[in-house]
Each structure stands twice: as structure tokens, then as C-alpha cells.
Amino acid sequence: MEQVLDVPSQEVITRDNAVVKVDGVVFFQVLDAPKAAYQVSVLERAVLNLVMTNIRTVLGSMDLDESLSKRDEINARLLSVVDEATHPWGIKVNRIEIKDITPPRDLVDAMARQMKAEREKRATILEAEGARQGEILRADGEKQAAILEAEGKKEAAFREAEARERLAEAEAKATMMVSQAIAKGDLQAINYFVADKYIHAIKAIASSPNQKLLMLPVEATGVLGSLAGVAELAKEALTKQRSSGEG
């Protein structure tokens, strides 16, 4: 039958001179009763002394961080040593479990402050990294927006220039056609030419930034009506020119 033996708490000094309190539990069973009775005076006390001594030995060979993080390794080392040492007593040690390893209060507080500082440091780093990524994304977005805006302006300027070019070509072509028609004595062409120049002049005056009100003389409405007369005079002058040339 397996027996359980509580190991009382004791102070142990680690390799880096930290003082910790350690307790545990031992599970063993008696295989040879005569040996357990006659090879050792008080079996349970002997087992306890052996376990407590080896706890001090094992933890004394470790730093505090190791003793707190390598619980399984401590248990395995204790079991190996104690089981071999108690074999002549006719018992079998099945398990040794360290229950608590408690550093002194000031050390616990210092460790808590260190952990808090580490968490705050990581949080600050993550926050800074997040802010940096945000700035990168914002700058990238502004860059893309600027590129799109520039491309839009470039496209608009190109289309505007293209429109002006087409308008200039159309005006040049119209002027050439009117000139050819005038040379042939076409009255409609003369009327169109004079009216077009007049309308463009009025439009330029009206579109001036300083022009708020455009006043036309009463005679202005008759200007367009007199264009036919102007054209007729131009035709007569052209006819005389041709006649003198033939003479």
C-alpha cells in the first residue's frame, strides 16, 4: 500500500543567494517490511530528513529563475537520488512532488514590478509600432491621393489643350473657307465673316472681369442689319478690281 508523507516548509538558499521557502510531498510504499523495521530506526523521519536534505542540495545548485521554472526537473532529480538511497530500507519511492516554492515578499514585489515594467514596455512598443504603421498608411494614402490628383489634372490639361487645338483648327479652317468664299464674291460668306468678328468682340468685352454691365448703343441692333450693305460694297469693290485687272 502506498503511503503519503508531507514534507514541511523549509528555507533554502539558491545558487544566486535568494532565500525561498519550499515544501512538498512524498509517495512511497514498503516492499520489505523486515528491512523497513530493522534497517532504519524511524522510517518516516529518515525519509523526511533525506528528502529535505536533497531539496536543499538540488535547489542550491539552481538559480532562482531555474528553481521557479523547472519544477519537473527538480522532482525528477529528487526522486532519482532518494529512491536509490532508500532502497536498502526495503521501500520504493514512487513520486516526490514539490508543492510550493515561495520567494521572500520583497523579492516577490520586485518581480511584480519588473513584470509590470516589462508589460508596460511591450505595450509602449506595440503602441509606437501601431502609430508608426498608422503614419505609414496615412502617408501612403496621401501619396496615392496626390498621384491620382496629379494624374487627373494632367488628363484635364491634356483634354483642355486638345479642345483648344481642335477649336483653333476649326477656326482656321472656317477662316480659310470664308476667305476663299470672299475671294469668289460670296455675299453670305462676307456677312458671316463680319458678323462673327463683331460677335466675338462683344463677347470679349462682356467677359471682362471688370465688366459688370454691358451697354450697347441703340444703333448696335442695326449693325447686323447693315452687314448686307457692307457685303454689297465689298462685292462692288471686288468687281471693279477684277475689271481693272482685265483692262
C-alpha atoms as a PDB file:
ATOM      1  CA  MET A   1       0.000   0.000   0.000  1.00  0.00           C
ATOM      2  CA  GLU A   2       1.304   3.448  -0.982  1.00  0.00           C
ATOM      3  CA  GLN A   3       1.902   5.903   1.823  1.00  0.00           C
ATOM      4  CA  VAL A   4       1.939   9.705   1.664  1.00  0.00           C
ATOM      5  CA  LEU A   5       4.375  11.813   3.620  1.00  0.00           C
ATOM      6  CA  ASP A   6       4.131  15.623   3.778  1.00  0.00           C
ATOM      7  CA  VAL A   7       7.437  17.472   3.596  1.00  0.00           C
ATOM      8  CA  PRO A   8       7.263  20.567   5.850  1.00  0.00           C
ATOM      9  CA  SER A   9       8.243  24.008   4.568  1.00  0.00           C
ATOM     10  CA  GLN A  10      11.905  24.948   4.923  1.00  0.00           C
ATOM     11  CA  GLU A  11      14.080  27.842   3.825  1.00  0.00           C
ATOM     12  CA  VAL A  12      16.510  27.092   1.006  1.00  0.00           C
ATOM     13  CA  ILE A  13      19.243  29.309  -0.451  1.00  0.00           C
ATOM     14  CA  THR A  14      19.536  29.174  -4.242  1.00  0.00           C
ATOM     15  CA  ARG A  15      22.765  29.456  -6.173  1.00  0.00           C
ATOM     16  CA  ASP A  16      22.246  33.210  -6.650  1.00  0.00           C
ATOM     17  CA  ASN A  17      21.673  33.659  -2.881  1.00  0.00           C
ATOM     18  CA  ALA A  18      17.899  34.037  -2.983  1.00  0.00           C
ATOM     19  CA  VAL A  19      16.114  32.627   0.069  1.00  0.00           C
ATOM     20  CA  VAL A  20      12.954  30.671  -0.773  1.00  0.00           C
ATOM     21  CA  LYS A  21      10.523  28.561   1.239  1.00  0.00           C
ATOM     22  CA  VAL A  22       9.906  25.063  -0.151  1.00  0.00           C
ATOM     23  CA  ASP A  23       7.516  22.267   0.811  1.00  0.00           C
ATOM     24  CA  GLY A  24       6.415  19.061  -0.873  1.00  0.00           C
ATOM     25  CA  VAL A  25       5.001  15.558  -0.629  1.00  0.00           C
ATOM     26  CA  VAL A  26       6.492  12.042  -0.938  1.00  0.00           C
ATOM     27  CA  PHE A  27       4.662   8.902  -2.146  1.00  0.00           C
ATOM     28  CA  PHE A  28       6.278   5.594  -1.200  1.00  0.00           C
ATOM     29  CA  GLN A  29       5.403   2.015  -0.398  1.00  0.00           C
ATOM     30  CA  VAL A  30       7.026  -0.668   1.784  1.00  0.00           C
ATOM     31  CA  LEU A  31       8.238  -3.660  -0.226  1.00  0.00           C
ATOM     32  CA  ASP A  32      10.235  -5.427   2.512  1.00  0.00           C
ATOM     33  CA  ALA A  33       8.738  -4.971   5.984  1.00  0.00           C
ATOM     34  CA  PRO A  34      11.643  -6.527   7.950  1.00  0.00           C
ATOM     35  CA  LYS A  35      14.123  -4.171   6.294  1.00  0.00           C
ATOM     36  CA  ALA A  36      11.806  -1.190   6.873  1.00  0.00           C
ATOM     37  CA  ALA A  37      11.615  -2.157  10.511  1.00  0.00           C
ATOM     38  CA  TYR A  38      15.214  -3.118  11.238  1.00  0.00           C
ATOM     39  CA  GLN A  39      17.435  -1.312   8.691  1.00  0.00           C
ATOM     40  CA  VAL A  40      16.343   2.158   9.885  1.00  0.00           C
ATOM     41  CA  SER A  41      15.186   3.281  13.306  1.00  0.00           C
ATOM     42  CA  VAL A  42      12.273   5.561  12.353  1.00  0.00           C
ATOM     43  CA  LEU A  43      11.393   5.129   8.684  1.00  0.00           C
ATOM     44  CA  GLU A  44       9.214   8.210   8.115  1.00  0.00           C
ATOM     45  CA  ARG A  45      11.624  10.539   9.894  1.00  0.00           C
ATOM     46  CA  ALA A  46      14.534   9.120   7.908  1.00  0.00           C
ATOM     47  CA  VAL A  47      12.671   9.581   4.614  1.00  0.00           C
ATOM     48  CA  LEU A  48      11.751  13.171   5.554  1.00  0.00           C
ATOM     49  CA  ASN A  49      15.303  14.062   6.521  1.00  0.00           C
ATOM     50  CA  LEU A  50      16.639  12.546   3.317  1.00  0.00           C
ATOM     51  CA  VAL A  51      14.115  14.395   1.126  1.00  0.00           C
ATOM     52  CA  MET A  52      14.620  17.761   2.863  1.00  0.00           C
ATOM     53  CA  THR A  53      18.396  17.459   2.628  1.00  0.00           C
ATOM     54  CA  ASN A  54      18.248  16.697  -1.080  1.00  0.00           C
ATOM     55  CA  ILE A  55      15.793  19.552  -1.683  1.00  0.00           C
ATOM     56  CA  ARG A  56      18.411  21.935  -0.288  1.00  0.00           C
ATOM     57  CA  THR A  57      21.084  20.300  -2.430  1.00  0.00           C
ATOM     58  CA  VAL A  58      19.107  20.388  -5.697  1.00  0.00           C
ATOM     59  CA  LEU A  59      17.756  23.936  -5.299  1.00  0.00           C
ATOM     60  CA  GLY A  60      21.139  25.165  -4.081  1.00  0.00           C
ATOM     61  CA  SER A  61      22.570  24.185  -7.455  1.00  0.00           C
ATOM     62  CA  MET A  62      19.989  26.292  -9.333  1.00  0.00           C
ATOM     63  CA  ASP A  63      19.347  29.989  -9.773  1.00  0.00           C
ATOM     64  CA  LEU A  64      16.051  31.399  -8.546  1.00  0.00           C
ATOM     65  CA  ASP A  65      14.624  31.627 -12.066  1.00  0.00           C
ATOM     66  CA  GLU A  66      15.516  27.985 -12.710  1.00  0.00           C
ATOM     67  CA  SER A  67      14.006  26.815  -9.435  1.00  0.00           C
ATOM     68  CA  LEU A  68      10.745  28.590 -10.259  1.00  0.00           C
ATOM     69  CA  SER A  69      10.525  27.386 -13.853  1.00  0.00           C
ATOM     70  CA  LYS A  70      11.967  23.843 -13.722  1.00  0.00           C
ATOM     71  CA  ARG A  71       9.660  22.137 -11.249  1.00  0.00           C
ATOM     72  CA  ASP A  72       9.550  18.849 -13.184  1.00  0.00           C
ATOM     73  CA  GLU A  73      13.340  18.668 -13.366  1.00  0.00           C
ATOM     74  CA  ILE A  74      13.599  19.218  -9.598  1.00  0.00           C
ATOM     75  CA  ASN A  75      11.077  16.446  -8.925  1.00  0.00           C
ATOM     76  CA  ALA A  76      12.905  14.018 -11.212  1.00  0.00           C
ATOM     77  CA  ARG A  77      16.299  14.697  -9.621  1.00  0.00           C
ATOM     78  CA  LEU A  78      14.909  14.280  -6.105  1.00  0.00           C
ATOM     79  CA  LEU A  79      13.168  11.022  -6.991  1.00  0.00           C
ATOM     80  CA  SER A  80      16.296   9.550  -8.547  1.00  0.00           C
ATOM     81  CA  VAL A  81      18.508  10.327  -5.537  1.00  0.00           C
ATOM     82  CA  VAL A  82      16.025   9.488  -2.748  1.00  0.00           C
ATOM     83  CA  ASP A  83      14.745   6.270  -4.317  1.00  0.00           C
ATOM     84  CA  GLU A  84      18.269   4.939  -4.668  1.00  0.00           C
ATOM     85  CA  ALA A  85      19.227   5.995  -1.127  1.00  0.00           C
ATOM     86  CA  THR A  86      16.155   4.351   0.472  1.00  0.00           C
ATOM     87  CA  HIS A  87      16.411   1.073  -1.438  1.00  0.00           C
ATOM     88  CA  PRO A  88      18.304  -0.682   1.453  1.00  0.00           C
ATOM     89  CA  TRP A  89      15.367   0.175   3.748  1.00  0.00           C
ATOM     90  CA  GLY A  90      13.028  -2.073   1.786  1.00  0.00           C
ATOM     91  CA  ILE A  91      10.859   0.738   0.385  1.00  0.00           C
ATOM     92  CA  LYS A  92      10.085   2.084  -3.094  1.00  0.00           C
ATOM     93  CA  VAL A  93       9.735   5.855  -3.527  1.00  0.00           C
ATOM     94  CA  ASN A  94       7.241   6.360  -6.372  1.00  0.00           C
ATOM     95  CA  ARG A  95       6.986  10.164  -6.596  1.00  0.00           C
ATOM     96  CA  ILE A  96       8.302  13.310  -4.972  1.00  0.00           C
ATOM     97  CA  GLU A  97       6.343  16.472  -5.734  1.00  0.00           C
ATOM     98  CA  ILE A  98       7.437  19.978  -4.812  1.00  0.00           C
ATOM     99  CA  LYS A  99       4.244  21.842  -3.884  1.00  0.00           C
ATOM    100  CA  ASP A 100       5.354  25.438  -3.379  1.00  0.00           C
ATOM    101  CA  ILE A 101       8.498  27.468  -3.897  1.00  0.00           C
ATOM    102  CA  THR A 102       7.891  30.869  -2.321  1.00  0.00           C
ATOM    103  CA  PRO A 103      10.420  33.703  -2.655  1.00  0.00           C
ATOM    104  CA  PRO A 104      10.576  36.388   0.090  1.00  0.00           C
ATOM    105  CA  ARG A 105       7.947  39.131  -0.024  1.00  0.00           C
ATOM    106  CA  ASP A 106      10.315  41.904  -1.098  1.00  0.00           C
ATOM    107  CA  LEU A 107      11.581  39.714  -3.918  1.00  0.00           C
ATOM    108  CA  VAL A 108       8.015  38.908  -4.983  1.00  0.00           C
ATOM    109  CA  ASP A 109       7.224  42.635  -5.035  1.00  0.00           C
ATOM    110  CA  ALA A 110      10.363  43.356  -7.038  1.00  0.00           C
ATOM    111  CA  MET A 111       9.477  40.613  -9.518  1.00  0.00           C
ATOM    112  CA  ALA A 112       5.936  42.006  -9.799  1.00  0.00           C
ATOM    113  CA  ARG A 113       7.325  45.474 -10.508  1.00  0.00           C
ATOM    114  CA  GLN A 114       9.689  44.027 -13.086  1.00  0.00           C
ATOM    115  CA  MET A 115       6.877  42.131 -14.800  1.00  0.00           C
ATOM    116  CA  LYS A 116       4.719  45.259 -14.766  1.00  0.00           C
ATOM    117  CA  ALA A 117       7.566  47.284 -16.260  1.00  0.00           C
ATOM    118  CA  GLU A 118       8.067  44.647 -18.946  1.00  0.00           C
ATOM    119  CA  ARG A 119       4.355  44.657 -19.787  1.00  0.00           C
ATOM    120  CA  GLU A 120       4.308  48.452 -19.947  1.00  0.00           C
ATOM    121  CA  LYS A 121       7.421  48.403 -22.105  1.00  0.00           C
ATOM    122  CA  ARG A 122       5.849  45.920 -24.513  1.00  0.00           C
ATOM    123  CA  ALA A 123       2.630  47.945 -24.557  1.00  0.00           C
ATOM    124  CA  THR A 124       4.597  51.117 -25.330  1.00  0.00           C
ATOM    125  CA  ILE A 125       6.486  49.351 -28.107  1.00  0.00           C
ATOM    126  CA  LEU A 126       3.264  47.975 -29.579  1.00  0.00           C
ATOM    127  CA  GLU A 127       1.602  51.381 -29.341  1.00  0.00           C
ATOM    128  CA  ALA A 128       4.574  53.058 -31.018  1.00  0.00           C
ATOM    129  CA  GLU A 129       4.619  50.394 -33.713  1.00  0.00           C
ATOM    130  CA  GLY A 130       0.896  50.851 -34.260  1.00  0.00           C
ATOM    131  CA  ALA A 131       1.337  54.626 -34.521  1.00  0.00           C
ATOM    132  CA  ARG A 132       4.232  54.159 -36.952  1.00  0.00           C
ATOM    133  CA  GLN A 133       2.185  51.824 -39.119  1.00  0.00           C
ATOM    134  CA  GLY A 134      -0.696  54.294 -38.983  1.00  0.00           C
ATOM    135  CA  GLU A 135       1.591  57.123 -40.124  1.00  0.00           C
ATOM    136  CA  ILE A 136       2.950  54.946 -42.920  1.00  0.00           C
ATOM    137  CA  LEU A 137      -0.555  54.067 -44.088  1.00  0.00           C
ATOM    138  CA  ARG A 138      -1.673  57.699 -43.843  1.00  0.00           C
ATOM    139  CA  ALA A 139       1.382  58.926 -45.764  1.00  0.00           C
ATOM    140  CA  ASP A 140       0.883  56.211 -48.359  1.00  0.00           C
ATOM    141  CA  GLY A 141      -2.766  57.194 -48.716  1.00  0.00           C
ATOM    142  CA  GLU A 142      -1.863  60.864 -49.125  1.00  0.00           C
ATOM    143  CA  LYS A 143       0.783  59.906 -51.667  1.00  0.00           C
ATOM    144  CA  GLN A 144      -1.704  57.867 -53.687  1.00  0.00           C
ATOM    145  CA  ALA A 145      -4.253  60.689 -53.480  1.00  0.00           C
ATOM    146  CA  ALA A 146      -1.648  63.204 -54.658  1.00  0.00           C
ATOM    147  CA  ILE A 147      -0.689  60.925 -57.540  1.00  0.00           C
ATOM    148  CA  LEU A 148      -4.320  60.489 -58.561  1.00  0.00           C
ATOM    149  CA  GLU A 149      -4.932  64.235 -58.277  1.00  0.00           C
ATOM    150  CA  ALA A 150      -1.855  64.997 -60.380  1.00  0.00           C
ATOM    151  CA  GLU A 151      -2.895  62.439 -62.975  1.00  0.00           C
ATOM    152  CA  GLY A 152      -6.394  63.936 -63.015  1.00  0.00           C
ATOM    153  CA  LYS A 153      -5.019  67.447 -63.516  1.00  0.00           C
ATOM    154  CA  LYS A 154      -2.685  66.166 -66.204  1.00  0.00           C
ATOM    155  CA  GLU A 155      -5.559  64.456 -68.005  1.00  0.00           C
ATOM    156  CA  ALA A 156      -7.753  67.554 -67.685  1.00  0.00           C
ATOM    157  CA  ALA A 157      -4.964  69.792 -69.006  1.00  0.00           C
ATOM    158  CA  PHE A 158      -4.387  67.395 -71.886  1.00  0.00           C
ATOM    159  CA  ARG A 159      -8.072  67.381 -72.801  1.00  0.00           C
ATOM    160  CA  GLU A 160      -8.280  71.164 -72.493  1.00  0.00           C
ATOM    161  CA  ALA A 161      -5.238  71.593 -74.736  1.00  0.00           C
ATOM    162  CA  GLU A 162      -6.702  69.105 -77.187  1.00  0.00           C
ATOM    163  CA  ALA A 163     -10.005  71.017 -77.202  1.00  0.00           C
ATOM    164  CA  ARG A 164      -8.198  74.323 -77.795  1.00  0.00           C
ATOM    165  CA  GLU A 165      -6.223  72.729 -80.599  1.00  0.00           C
ATOM    166  CA  ARG A 166      -9.377  71.425 -82.251  1.00  0.00           C
ATOM    167  CA  LEU A 167     -11.080  74.801 -81.825  1.00  0.00           C
ATOM    168  CA  ALA A 168      -8.084  76.579 -83.343  1.00  0.00           C
ATOM    169  CA  GLU A 169      -8.079  74.124 -86.249  1.00  0.00           C
ATOM    170  CA  ALA A 170     -11.808  74.648 -86.751  1.00  0.00           C
ATOM    171  CA  GLU A 171     -11.445  78.437 -86.652  1.00  0.00           C
ATOM    172  CA  ALA A 172      -8.515  78.317 -89.035  1.00  0.00           C
ATOM    173  CA  LYS A 173     -10.453  76.088 -91.391  1.00  0.00           C
ATOM    174  CA  ALA A 174     -13.533  78.332 -91.152  1.00  0.00           C
ATOM    175  CA  THR A 175     -11.424  81.449 -91.778  1.00  0.00           C
ATOM    176  CA  MET A 176      -9.834  79.804 -94.815  1.00  0.00           C
ATOM    177  CA  MET A 177     -13.226  78.787 -96.181  1.00  0.00           C
ATOM    178  CA  VAL A 178     -14.626  82.298 -95.613  1.00  0.00           C
ATOM    179  CA  SER A 179     -11.562  83.855 -97.231  1.00  0.00           C
ATOM    180  CA  GLN A 180     -11.989  81.617-100.262  1.00  0.00           C
ATOM    181  CA  ALA A 181     -15.688  82.456-100.424  1.00  0.00           C
ATOM    182  CA  ILE A 182     -14.971  86.197-100.149  1.00  0.00           C
ATOM    183  CA  ALA A 183     -12.415  85.905-102.915  1.00  0.00           C
ATOM    184  CA  LYS A 184     -15.179  84.410-105.062  1.00  0.00           C
ATOM    185  CA  GLY A 185     -17.569  87.233-104.127  1.00  0.00           C
ATOM    186  CA  ASP A 186     -19.884  85.136-101.925  1.00  0.00           C
ATOM    187  CA  LEU A 187     -22.135  87.627-100.054  1.00  0.00           C
ATOM    188  CA  GLN A 188     -23.150  85.101 -97.380  1.00  0.00           C
ATOM    189  CA  ALA A 189     -19.509  84.480 -96.562  1.00  0.00           C
ATOM    190  CA  ILE A 190     -18.838  88.195 -96.228  1.00  0.00           C
ATOM    191  CA  ASN A 191     -21.862  88.586 -93.944  1.00  0.00           C
ATOM    192  CA  TYR A 192     -20.716  85.627 -91.805  1.00  0.00           C
ATOM    193  CA  PHE A 193     -17.159  86.950 -91.545  1.00  0.00           C
ATOM    194  CA  VAL A 194     -18.169  90.447 -90.424  1.00  0.00           C
ATOM    195  CA  ALA A 195     -20.873  89.149 -88.018  1.00  0.00           C
ATOM    196  CA  ASP A 196     -18.521  86.614 -86.464  1.00  0.00           C
ATOM    197  CA  LYS A 197     -15.853  89.237 -85.755  1.00  0.00           C
ATOM    198  CA  TYR A 198     -18.459  91.582 -84.293  1.00  0.00           C
ATOM    199  CA  ILE A 199     -19.946  88.924 -82.021  1.00  0.00           C
ATOM    200  CA  HIS A 200     -16.502  87.860 -80.793  1.00  0.00           C
ATOM    201  CA  ALA A 201     -15.656  91.468 -79.966  1.00  0.00           C
ATOM    202  CA  ILE A 202     -18.888  91.910 -77.971  1.00  0.00           C
ATOM    203  CA  LYS A 203     -18.281  88.599 -76.152  1.00  0.00           C
ATOM    204  CA  ALA A 204     -14.731  89.637 -75.206  1.00  0.00           C
ATOM    205  CA  ILE A 205     -15.995  92.908 -73.759  1.00  0.00           C
ATOM    206  CA  ALA A 206     -18.799  91.178 -71.834  1.00  0.00           C
ATOM    207  CA  SER A 207     -16.498  88.519 -70.357  1.00  0.00           C
ATOM    208  CA  SER A 208     -14.012  91.030 -68.961  1.00  0.00           C
ATOM    209  CA  PRO A 209     -13.589  90.566 -65.145  1.00  0.00           C
ATOM    210  CA  ASN A 210     -14.088  94.311 -64.643  1.00  0.00           C
ATOM    211  CA  GLN A 211     -17.179  94.420 -66.811  1.00  0.00           C
ATOM    212  CA  LYS A 212     -20.336  94.256 -64.712  1.00  0.00           C
ATOM    213  CA  LEU A 213     -22.779  95.833 -67.168  1.00  0.00           C
ATOM    214  CA  LEU A 214     -22.577  95.985 -70.940  1.00  0.00           C
ATOM    215  CA  MET A 215     -24.324  98.967 -72.550  1.00  0.00           C
ATOM    216  CA  LEU A 216     -24.991  98.710 -76.279  1.00  0.00           C
ATOM    217  CA  PRO A 217     -25.948 101.780 -78.326  1.00  0.00           C
ATOM    218  CA  VAL A 218     -29.319 101.808 -79.976  1.00  0.00           C
ATOM    219  CA  GLU A 219     -27.580 101.636 -83.337  1.00  0.00           C
ATOM    220  CA  ALA A 220     -25.940  98.332 -82.370  1.00  0.00           C
ATOM    221  CA  THR A 221     -29.055  96.395 -83.336  1.00  0.00           C
ATOM    222  CA  GLY A 222     -28.780  97.829 -86.780  1.00  0.00           C
ATOM    223  CA  VAL A 223     -25.188  96.819 -87.228  1.00  0.00           C
ATOM    224  CA  LEU A 224     -26.027  93.276 -88.114  1.00  0.00           C
ATOM    225  CA  GLY A 225     -28.742  94.550 -90.437  1.00  0.00           C
ATOM    226  CA  SER A 226     -26.248  96.695 -92.271  1.00  0.00           C
ATOM    227  CA  LEU A 227     -23.892  93.790 -92.847  1.00  0.00           C
ATOM    228  CA  ALA A 228     -25.579  93.041 -96.142  1.00  0.00           C
ATOM    229  CA  GLY A 229     -24.797  96.588 -97.282  1.00  0.00           C
ATOM    230  CA  VAL A 230     -21.193  96.169 -96.247  1.00  0.00           C
ATOM    231  CA  ALA A 231     -21.031  92.943 -98.158  1.00  0.00           C
ATOM    232  CA  GLU A 232     -22.521  94.598-101.217  1.00  0.00           C
ATOM    233  CA  LEU A 233     -19.901  97.343-101.114  1.00  0.00           C
ATOM    234  CA  ALA A 234     -17.184  94.716-100.761  1.00  0.00           C
ATOM    235  CA  LYS A 235     -18.570  92.847-103.763  1.00  0.00           C
ATOM    236  CA  GLU A 236     -18.690  96.040-105.858  1.00  0.00           C
ATOM    237  CA  ALA A 237     -15.108  96.865-104.923  1.00  0.00           C
ATOM    238  CA  LEU A 238     -14.031  93.345-105.810  1.00  0.00           C
ATOM    239  CA  THR A 239     -15.801  93.573-109.201  1.00  0.00           C
ATOM    240  CA  LYS A 240     -14.088  96.875-110.021  1.00  0.00           C
ATOM    241  CA  GLN A 241     -10.737  95.373-109.052  1.00  0.00           C
ATOM    242  CA  ARG A 242     -11.262  92.446-111.394  1.00  0.00           C
ATOM    243  CA  SER A 243     -12.431  94.753-114.241  1.00  0.00           C
ATOM    244  CA  SER A 244      -9.387  96.966-113.926  1.00  0.00           C
ATOM    245  CA  GLY A 245      -7.222  93.891-113.913  1.00  0.00           C
ATOM    246  CA  GLU A 246      -8.748  92.609-117.157  1.00  0.00           C
ATOM    247  CA  GLY A 247      -8.418  96.033-118.834  1.00  0.00           C
END
